[in-house]
Amino acid sequence: MNIEYYTAMLERNRVMPFMKDGRTVCILCFYIGDNQDLDRFINSDPWSVVEDKPSGELAYIAQLITDKDVKNPALSYQIWSGFKDYIKAEYPSTRIICWRRWKNDKVYIFNKKIQGEAR
């Protein structure tokens, strides 16, 4: 674990932990920016802290780390809902949450629109 990365992301309020029954279920690290920032977010070193724009319309999930507990799949909706609510409340300009996943030696980018109006 890269303590410098997580410390810097914490200082920038770009880390969201999820707790359940006294354990850390997962940790999400994210950036806020616009569509033109997406390539920069994707292509950055996973342990570098990238400058972002809190007024942006896009939230990019840079890292998602779980504790690999067998109960985690049952919590995925709760975690996703909590993250969306947090993004809507703290970054009201954000309209899209996106992330990348590797599969069969290819990178796939996923986008989900945030439903409802942000405050």
Protein backbone atom coordinates (compact mmCIF):
# COMPACT_ATOMS: atom_id res chain seq x y z
CA MET A 1 0.00 0.00 0.00
CA ASN A 2 1.29 3.41 -0.97
CA ILE A 3 0.83 5.56 2.14
CA GLU A 4 1.96 8.76 0.37
CA TYR A 5 -0.73 8.35 -2.30
CA TYR A 6 -3.53 7.71 0.18
CA THR A 7 -2.40 10.54 2.46
CA ALA A 8 -2.41 12.99 -0.45
CA MET A 9 -5.79 11.76 -1.66
CA LEU A 10 -7.20 12.08 1.89
CA GLU A 11 -5.90 15.65 2.11
CA ARG A 12 -7.75 16.44 -1.14
CA ASN A 13 -10.98 14.71 0.00
CA ARG A 14 -10.71 12.18 -2.83
CA VAL A 15 -10.98 9.02 -0.71
CA MET A 16 -14.21 7.43 0.43
CA PRO A 17 -14.04 4.42 2.78
CA PHE A 18 -16.98 2.12 3.44
CA MET A 19 -17.30 0.43 6.81
CA LYS A 20 -19.53 -2.49 7.79
CA ASP A 21 -19.58 -4.25 11.18
CA GLY A 22 -16.30 -2.64 12.23
CA ARG A 23 -14.34 -3.58 9.12
CA THR A 24 -13.31 -1.57 6.11
CA VAL A 25 -15.24 -3.14 3.25
CA CYS A 26 -13.68 -1.02 0.52
CA ILE A 27 -11.87 2.20 -0.24
CA LEU A 28 -12.67 4.31 -3.30
CA CYS A 29 -10.24 6.91 -4.65
CA PHE A 30 -11.56 9.27 -7.30
CA TYR A 31 -10.97 12.44 -9.30
CA ILE A 32 -13.39 15.13 -10.43
CA GLY A 33 -12.99 16.73 -13.84
CA ASP A 34 -14.47 17.13 -17.29
CA ASN A 35 -14.60 14.80 -20.29
CA GLN A 36 -11.31 16.18 -21.63
CA ASP A 37 -9.63 15.13 -18.34
CA LEU A 38 -10.63 11.47 -18.71
CA ASP A 39 -7.61 10.38 -20.80
CA ARG A 40 -5.26 12.08 -18.34
CA PHE A 41 -6.93 10.31 -15.41
CA ILE A 42 -6.83 6.94 -17.18
CA ASN A 43 -3.24 7.22 -18.38
CA SER A 44 -1.73 8.52 -15.16
CA ASP A 45 0.46 6.34 -12.97
CA PRO A 46 -1.92 4.60 -10.52
CA TRP A 47 0.14 5.93 -7.60
CA SER A 48 0.41 9.54 -8.74
CA VAL A 49 -1.97 12.19 -7.48
CA VAL A 50 -3.43 13.94 -10.52
CA GLU A 51 -4.71 17.50 -10.46
CA ASP A 52 -8.44 17.65 -10.95
CA LYS A 53 -11.27 20.19 -11.04
CA PRO A 54 -13.88 20.07 -8.23
CA SER A 55 -16.39 21.91 -10.44
CA GLY A 56 -16.20 19.23 -13.15
CA GLU A 57 -19.07 17.16 -14.49
CA LEU A 58 -17.30 13.80 -14.31
CA ALA A 59 -16.22 11.65 -11.34
CA TYR A 60 -13.55 9.11 -12.26
CA ILE A 61 -12.99 6.16 -9.92
CA ALA A 62 -9.21 5.80 -9.92
CA GLN A 63 -8.94 2.94 -7.41
CA LEU A 64 -11.32 0.59 -5.66
CA ILE A 65 -9.81 -1.70 -3.07
CA THR A 66 -11.87 -4.29 -1.19
CA ASP A 67 -11.12 -6.63 1.69
CA LYS A 68 -12.24 -9.63 -0.48
CA ASP A 69 -14.77 -10.80 2.11
CA VAL A 70 -17.40 -13.21 0.74
CA LYS A 71 -20.15 -10.88 2.00
CA ASN A 72 -19.02 -7.98 -0.22
CA PRO A 73 -21.15 -8.75 -3.30
CA ALA A 74 -24.26 -8.32 -1.16
CA LEU A 75 -23.03 -4.84 -0.19
CA SER A 76 -22.28 -3.60 -3.71
CA TYR A 77 -25.61 -1.78 -4.18
CA GLN A 78 -25.28 -0.07 -0.79
CA ILE A 79 -21.71 1.02 -1.59
CA TRP A 80 -22.63 2.26 -5.07
CA SER A 81 -25.64 4.17 -3.72
CA GLY A 82 -23.57 5.74 -0.95
CA PHE A 83 -20.87 6.82 -3.37
CA LYS A 84 -23.41 8.38 -5.77
CA ASP A 85 -25.09 10.24 -2.90
CA TYR A 86 -21.72 11.53 -1.69
CA ILE A 87 -20.71 12.73 -5.15
CA LYS A 88 -24.06 14.47 -5.71
CA ALA A 89 -23.86 16.23 -2.34
CA GLU A 90 -20.19 17.25 -2.40
CA TYR A 91 -19.67 17.88 -6.14
CA PRO A 92 -23.03 19.19 -7.44
CA SER A 93 -21.75 19.82 -10.98
CA THR A 94 -20.95 16.13 -11.46
CA ARG A 95 -23.30 14.28 -13.80
CA ILE A 96 -21.36 11.13 -14.73
CA ILE A 97 -19.34 8.56 -12.77
CA CYS A 98 -16.90 6.52 -14.83
CA TRP A 99 -14.24 3.88 -14.27
CA ARG A 100 -12.06 1.48 -16.24
CA ARG A 101 -11.73 -2.28 -16.02
CA TRP A 102 -9.32 -4.71 -17.62
CA LYS A 103 -10.74 -7.79 -19.31
CA ASN A 104 -9.06 -10.08 -21.84
CA ASP A 105 -6.07 -7.70 -22.16
CA LYS A 106 -8.33 -4.78 -23.09
CA VAL A 107 -9.39 -1.70 -21.16
CA TYR A 108 -13.10 -0.98 -21.03
CA ILE A 109 -14.48 2.37 -19.87
CA PHE A 110 -17.84 2.35 -18.09
CA ASN A 111 -20.05 5.42 -17.59
CA LYS A 112 -23.10 5.77 -15.37
CA LYS A 113 -25.23 8.90 -15.30
CA ILE A 114 -26.11 10.17 -11.87
CA GLN A 115 -29.90 10.11 -11.57
CA GLY A 116 -31.82 12.98 -10.05
CA GLU A 117 -30.77 16.52 -9.56
CA ALA A 118 -27.62 17.40 -7.69
CA ARG A 119 -27.93 19.98 -4.96
